[in-house]
Amino acid sequence: MEEDYRQCHNCYNEIEEMICERCRLRQVTSWLQDNNGPWSIQALFFRKLEKKLPRPPYEGYCLICGNELPALCGPCFYQEASFALKEIIENKTWLDSFAKMFKPKHVQLV
């Protein structure tokens, strides 16, 4: 099982940055706050995204917080985040800003 130690559960590519989903979620939440996202949107986004994320099966530690290893690579995480965001808001300016900030490689937002 050693060969798939750092494999993304969505795209099956190697996970290069050992940053957990919680830390990535904090980045997106900060972005929402910086863009004056209402608390109601932030809470709804958090709930929608949390339901979509797989549980990490690996043992190890996040480089930022020291908790679990990620189950998704960065692009797949931000792809899931972009899908959750599109379900909540229709503001093209926000979606463009999200795409510029997080650059989800696997998806086109608009």
N, C-alpha and C. Protein backbone atom coordinates (compact mmCIF):
# COMPACT_ATOMS: atom_id res chain seq x y z
N MET A 1 0.83 -1.20 0.00
CA MET A 1 0.00 0.00 0.00
C MET A 1 0.87 1.26 0.00
N GLU A 2 2.15 1.11 0.09
CA GLU A 2 3.06 2.25 0.15
C GLU A 2 3.00 3.11 -1.12
N GLU A 3 2.79 2.48 -2.30
CA GLU A 3 2.82 3.22 -3.55
C GLU A 3 1.68 4.23 -3.68
N ASP A 4 0.54 4.04 -3.02
CA ASP A 4 -0.55 4.99 -3.13
C ASP A 4 -0.67 5.89 -1.90
N TYR A 5 0.41 6.00 -1.16
CA TYR A 5 0.41 6.77 0.09
C TYR A 5 -0.06 8.20 -0.10
N ARG A 6 0.34 8.81 -1.20
CA ARG A 6 0.01 10.21 -1.42
C ARG A 6 -0.89 10.38 -2.64
N GLN A 7 -1.80 9.47 -2.87
CA GLN A 7 -2.64 9.50 -4.05
C GLN A 7 -3.96 10.20 -3.76
N CYS A 8 -4.33 11.14 -4.64
CA CYS A 8 -5.61 11.85 -4.52
C CYS A 8 -6.74 10.87 -4.77
N HIS A 9 -7.79 10.95 -3.95
CA HIS A 9 -8.92 10.04 -4.09
C HIS A 9 -9.90 10.46 -5.17
N ASN A 10 -9.63 11.57 -5.81
CA ASN A 10 -10.51 12.04 -6.88
C ASN A 10 -9.88 11.82 -8.25
N CYS A 11 -8.67 12.32 -8.46
CA CYS A 11 -8.01 12.23 -9.78
C CYS A 11 -6.92 11.16 -9.82
N TYR A 12 -6.56 10.63 -8.67
CA TYR A 12 -5.53 9.59 -8.53
C TYR A 12 -4.12 10.06 -8.87
N ASN A 13 -3.93 11.36 -9.00
CA ASN A 13 -2.59 11.90 -9.15
C ASN A 13 -1.92 11.96 -7.78
N GLU A 14 -0.63 12.14 -7.79
CA GLU A 14 0.10 12.25 -6.54
C GLU A 14 -0.23 13.58 -5.86
N ILE A 15 -0.44 13.53 -4.55
CA ILE A 15 -0.66 14.75 -3.78
C ILE A 15 0.70 15.34 -3.48
N GLU A 16 0.97 16.53 -4.01
CA GLU A 16 2.29 17.14 -3.86
C GLU A 16 2.40 17.98 -2.61
N GLU A 17 1.34 18.65 -2.22
CA GLU A 17 1.37 19.51 -1.04
C GLU A 17 0.59 18.83 0.08
N MET A 18 1.25 18.52 1.14
CA MET A 18 0.61 17.82 2.26
C MET A 18 -0.12 18.83 3.16
N ILE A 19 -1.16 19.43 2.61
CA ILE A 19 -1.99 20.40 3.33
C ILE A 19 -3.39 19.82 3.41
N CYS A 20 -3.91 19.67 4.62
CA CYS A 20 -5.21 19.01 4.81
C CYS A 20 -6.37 19.88 4.31
N GLU A 21 -7.51 19.23 4.15
CA GLU A 21 -8.69 19.92 3.66
C GLU A 21 -9.16 21.01 4.62
N ARG A 22 -8.96 20.81 5.92
CA ARG A 22 -9.36 21.85 6.89
C ARG A 22 -8.58 23.14 6.67
N CYS A 23 -7.28 23.02 6.43
CA CYS A 23 -6.46 24.21 6.20
C CYS A 23 -6.82 24.88 4.88
N ARG A 24 -7.09 24.09 3.86
CA ARG A 24 -7.51 24.67 2.58
C ARG A 24 -8.88 25.35 2.73
N LEU A 25 -9.75 24.74 3.53
CA LEU A 25 -11.06 25.34 3.78
C LEU A 25 -10.91 26.68 4.50
N ARG A 26 -9.96 26.76 5.42
CA ARG A 26 -9.69 28.04 6.10
C ARG A 26 -9.25 29.11 5.09
N GLN A 27 -8.46 28.71 4.09
CA GLN A 27 -8.03 29.66 3.05
C GLN A 27 -9.23 30.20 2.29
N VAL A 28 -10.14 29.30 1.91
CA VAL A 28 -11.32 29.72 1.15
C VAL A 28 -12.24 30.58 2.02
N THR A 29 -12.38 30.23 3.28
CA THR A 29 -13.20 31.02 4.20
C THR A 29 -12.62 32.42 4.36
N SER A 30 -11.31 32.52 4.46
CA SER A 30 -10.66 33.84 4.53
C SER A 30 -10.93 34.64 3.27
N TRP A 31 -10.87 33.97 2.12
CA TRP A 31 -11.17 34.64 0.86
C TRP A 31 -12.61 35.17 0.87
N LEU A 32 -13.55 34.36 1.34
CA LEU A 32 -14.95 34.80 1.43
C LEU A 32 -15.08 36.02 2.33
N GLN A 33 -14.39 36.01 3.47
CA GLN A 33 -14.44 37.14 4.39
C GLN A 33 -13.82 38.38 3.75
N ASP A 34 -12.71 38.21 3.06
CA ASP A 34 -12.05 39.34 2.39
C ASP A 34 -12.93 39.94 1.30
N ASN A 35 -13.80 39.12 0.71
CA ASN A 35 -14.71 39.59 -0.33
C ASN A 35 -16.08 39.96 0.22
N ASN A 36 -16.13 40.18 1.53
CA ASN A 36 -17.36 40.60 2.21
C ASN A 36 -18.51 39.63 2.02
N GLY A 37 -18.18 38.35 2.01
CA GLY A 37 -19.21 37.32 1.93
C GLY A 37 -20.01 37.28 3.22
N PRO A 38 -21.33 37.36 3.14
CA PRO A 38 -22.14 37.30 4.36
C PRO A 38 -21.92 36.00 5.11
N TRP A 39 -22.10 36.05 6.42
CA TRP A 39 -21.92 34.85 7.25
C TRP A 39 -22.83 33.73 6.80
N SER A 40 -24.02 34.07 6.34
CA SER A 40 -24.95 33.02 5.90
C SER A 40 -24.38 32.25 4.70
N ILE A 41 -23.74 32.95 3.77
CA ILE A 41 -23.11 32.29 2.62
C ILE A 41 -21.92 31.47 3.08
N GLN A 42 -21.13 32.02 3.99
CA GLN A 42 -19.96 31.27 4.49
C GLN A 42 -20.39 29.97 5.16
N ALA A 43 -21.43 30.04 5.98
CA ALA A 43 -21.90 28.85 6.70
C ALA A 43 -22.47 27.82 5.72
N LEU A 44 -23.25 28.27 4.76
CA LEU A 44 -23.82 27.36 3.77
C LEU A 44 -22.73 26.72 2.92
N PHE A 45 -21.76 27.51 2.52
CA PHE A 45 -20.62 27.00 1.75
C PHE A 45 -19.87 25.93 2.54
N PHE A 46 -19.60 26.22 3.80
CA PHE A 46 -18.88 25.28 4.65
C PHE A 46 -19.63 23.95 4.74
N ARG A 47 -20.93 24.00 4.98
CA ARG A 47 -21.72 22.77 5.11
C ARG A 47 -21.75 21.98 3.80
N LYS A 48 -21.95 22.68 2.68
CA LYS A 48 -21.99 21.99 1.39
C LYS A 48 -20.65 21.32 1.07
N LEU A 49 -19.57 22.04 1.30
CA LEU A 49 -18.26 21.51 0.96
C LEU A 49 -17.86 20.37 1.90
N GLU A 50 -18.18 20.51 3.16
CA GLU A 50 -17.82 19.48 4.13
C GLU A 50 -18.45 18.13 3.78
N LYS A 51 -19.67 18.16 3.23
CA LYS A 51 -20.36 16.92 2.84
C LYS A 51 -19.68 16.24 1.65
N LYS A 52 -19.00 17.02 0.81
CA LYS A 52 -18.39 16.49 -0.40
C LYS A 52 -16.99 15.92 -0.18
N LEU A 53 -16.37 16.26 0.92
CA LEU A 53 -14.97 15.88 1.11
C LEU A 53 -14.83 14.46 1.66
N PRO A 54 -13.93 13.67 1.07
CA PRO A 54 -13.68 12.33 1.60
C PRO A 54 -12.87 12.39 2.89
N ARG A 55 -12.99 11.37 3.69
CA ARG A 55 -12.18 11.27 4.91
C ARG A 55 -10.79 10.78 4.54
N PRO A 56 -9.75 11.38 5.08
CA PRO A 56 -8.39 10.95 4.73
C PRO A 56 -8.07 9.58 5.34
N PRO A 57 -7.63 8.64 4.51
CA PRO A 57 -7.32 7.30 5.01
C PRO A 57 -5.88 7.14 5.47
N TYR A 58 -5.07 8.17 5.25
CA TYR A 58 -3.64 8.04 5.51
C TYR A 58 -3.28 8.53 6.90
N GLU A 59 -2.22 8.00 7.43
CA GLU A 59 -1.67 8.50 8.68
C GLU A 59 -0.52 9.43 8.35
N GLY A 60 -0.41 10.48 9.09
CA GLY A 60 0.63 11.46 8.85
C GLY A 60 0.13 12.81 9.31
N TYR A 61 0.84 13.85 8.90
CA TYR A 61 0.53 15.17 9.44
C TYR A 61 0.52 16.24 8.35
N CYS A 62 -0.45 17.13 8.45
CA CYS A 62 -0.54 18.30 7.59
C CYS A 62 0.64 19.21 7.89
N LEU A 63 1.20 19.82 6.85
CA LEU A 63 2.34 20.72 7.03
C LEU A 63 1.98 21.99 7.79
N ILE A 64 0.73 22.39 7.76
CA ILE A 64 0.32 23.64 8.40
C ILE A 64 -0.16 23.42 9.83
N CYS A 65 -1.12 22.51 10.01
CA CYS A 65 -1.75 22.38 11.33
C CYS A 65 -1.31 21.14 12.10
N GLY A 66 -0.67 20.19 11.43
CA GLY A 66 -0.23 18.98 12.11
C GLY A 66 -1.32 17.93 12.27
N ASN A 67 -2.51 18.16 11.70
CA ASN A 67 -3.57 17.15 11.75
C ASN A 67 -3.38 16.15 10.62
N GLU A 68 -4.46 15.53 10.19
CA GLU A 68 -4.39 14.45 9.21
C GLU A 68 -3.87 14.91 7.85
N LEU A 69 -3.38 13.94 7.08
CA LEU A 69 -2.97 14.19 5.71
C LEU A 69 -4.21 14.41 4.84
N PRO A 70 -4.04 15.09 3.70
CA PRO A 70 -5.19 15.32 2.82
C PRO A 70 -5.58 14.05 2.07
N ALA A 71 -6.84 14.00 1.67
CA ALA A 71 -7.33 12.93 0.81
C ALA A 71 -7.43 13.41 -0.64
N LEU A 72 -7.41 14.74 -0.84
CA LEU A 72 -7.50 15.33 -2.17
C LEU A 72 -6.29 16.20 -2.45
N CYS A 73 -5.88 16.24 -3.72
CA CYS A 73 -4.84 17.18 -4.12
C CYS A 73 -5.45 18.59 -4.11
N GLY A 74 -4.62 19.61 -4.15
CA GLY A 74 -5.11 20.98 -4.13
C GLY A 74 -6.10 21.29 -5.25
N PRO A 75 -5.77 20.96 -6.52
CA PRO A 75 -6.72 21.26 -7.60
C PRO A 75 -8.07 20.58 -7.42
N CYS A 76 -8.08 19.34 -6.95
CA CYS A 76 -9.37 18.65 -6.75
C CYS A 76 -10.14 19.27 -5.59
N PHE A 77 -9.43 19.66 -4.53
CA PHE A 77 -10.12 20.34 -3.42
C PHE A 77 -10.77 21.63 -3.92
N TYR A 78 -10.00 22.45 -4.66
CA TYR A 78 -10.54 23.72 -5.13
C TYR A 78 -11.63 23.51 -6.19
N GLN A 79 -11.58 22.39 -6.91
CA GLN A 79 -12.66 22.05 -7.83
C GLN A 79 -13.94 21.80 -7.04
N GLU A 80 -13.86 21.01 -5.98
CA GLU A 80 -15.04 20.76 -5.14
C GLU A 80 -15.53 22.06 -4.51
N ALA A 81 -14.60 22.90 -4.08
CA ALA A 81 -14.97 24.19 -3.49
C ALA A 81 -15.68 25.06 -4.53
N SER A 82 -15.19 25.05 -5.77
CA SER A 82 -15.82 25.87 -6.81
C SER A 82 -17.23 25.37 -7.11
N PHE A 83 -17.43 24.05 -7.12
CA PHE A 83 -18.77 23.51 -7.34
C PHE A 83 -19.71 23.94 -6.22
N ALA A 84 -19.24 23.85 -4.99
CA ALA A 84 -20.07 24.25 -3.84
C ALA A 84 -20.39 25.74 -3.91
N LEU A 85 -19.40 26.55 -4.30
CA LEU A 85 -19.60 27.99 -4.40
C LEU A 85 -20.61 28.32 -5.49
N LYS A 86 -20.52 27.64 -6.63
CA LYS A 86 -21.46 27.89 -7.73
C LYS A 86 -22.89 27.53 -7.35
N GLU A 87 -23.07 26.57 -6.44
CA GLU A 87 -24.42 26.20 -6.00
C GLU A 87 -25.04 27.29 -5.13
N ILE A 88 -24.20 28.11 -4.52
CA ILE A 88 -24.67 29.10 -3.55
C ILE A 88 -24.83 30.48 -4.16
N ILE A 89 -23.85 30.90 -4.97
CA ILE A 89 -23.87 32.26 -5.50
C ILE A 89 -23.87 32.25 -7.03
N GLU A 90 -24.36 33.33 -7.60
CA GLU A 90 -24.36 33.49 -9.05
C GLU A 90 -23.54 34.71 -9.46
N ASN A 91 -22.84 35.29 -8.51
CA ASN A 91 -22.06 36.50 -8.77
C ASN A 91 -20.82 36.16 -9.59
N LYS A 92 -20.82 36.53 -10.87
CA LYS A 92 -19.71 36.21 -11.76
C LYS A 92 -18.40 36.83 -11.29
N THR A 93 -18.45 37.99 -10.69
CA THR A 93 -17.25 38.64 -10.18
C THR A 93 -16.60 37.79 -9.09
N TRP A 94 -17.40 37.26 -8.20
CA TRP A 94 -16.86 36.39 -7.14
C TRP A 94 -16.27 35.12 -7.73
N LEU A 95 -16.97 34.51 -8.68
CA LEU A 95 -16.48 33.27 -9.29
C LEU A 95 -15.16 33.52 -10.03
N ASP A 96 -15.06 34.65 -10.73
CA ASP A 96 -13.81 35.00 -11.40
C ASP A 96 -12.69 35.22 -10.39
N SER A 97 -13.01 35.91 -9.31
CA SER A 97 -12.03 36.16 -8.25
C SER A 97 -11.55 34.85 -7.64
N PHE A 98 -12.48 33.93 -7.40
CA PHE A 98 -12.12 32.62 -6.85
C PHE A 98 -11.17 31.89 -7.80
N ALA A 99 -11.51 31.90 -9.09
CA ALA A 99 -10.69 31.21 -10.09
C ALA A 99 -9.28 31.80 -10.16
N LYS A 100 -9.18 33.13 -10.05
CA LYS A 100 -7.86 33.77 -10.08
C LYS A 100 -7.06 33.46 -8.83
N MET A 101 -7.72 33.42 -7.70
CA MET A 101 -7.04 33.20 -6.43
C MET A 101 -6.58 31.76 -6.26
N PHE A 102 -7.44 30.81 -6.56
CA PHE A 102 -7.16 29.40 -6.23
C PHE A 102 -6.82 28.54 -7.44
N LYS A 103 -7.09 29.03 -8.64
CA LYS A 103 -6.73 28.34 -9.87
C LYS A 103 -7.06 26.85 -9.88
N PRO A 104 -8.34 26.50 -9.77
CA PRO A 104 -8.68 25.07 -9.85
C PRO A 104 -8.42 24.56 -11.26
N LYS A 105 -7.43 23.70 -11.42
CA LYS A 105 -7.00 23.25 -12.74
C LYS A 105 -8.02 22.37 -13.44
N HIS A 106 -8.81 21.64 -12.68
CA HIS A 106 -9.68 20.64 -13.28
C HIS A 106 -11.03 21.17 -13.73
N VAL A 107 -11.29 22.45 -13.57
CA VAL A 107 -12.65 22.92 -13.84
C VAL A 107 -12.63 24.36 -14.35
N GLN A 108 -13.59 24.69 -15.19
CA GLN A 108 -13.82 26.06 -15.61
C GLN A 108 -15.05 26.55 -14.86
N LEU A 109 -14.92 27.68 -14.18
CA LEU A 109 -16.03 28.17 -13.36
C LEU A 109 -17.11 28.85 -14.18
N VAL A 110 -16.72 29.65 -15.16
CA VAL A 110 -17.72 30.41 -15.91
C VAL A 110 -17.55 30.20 -17.39
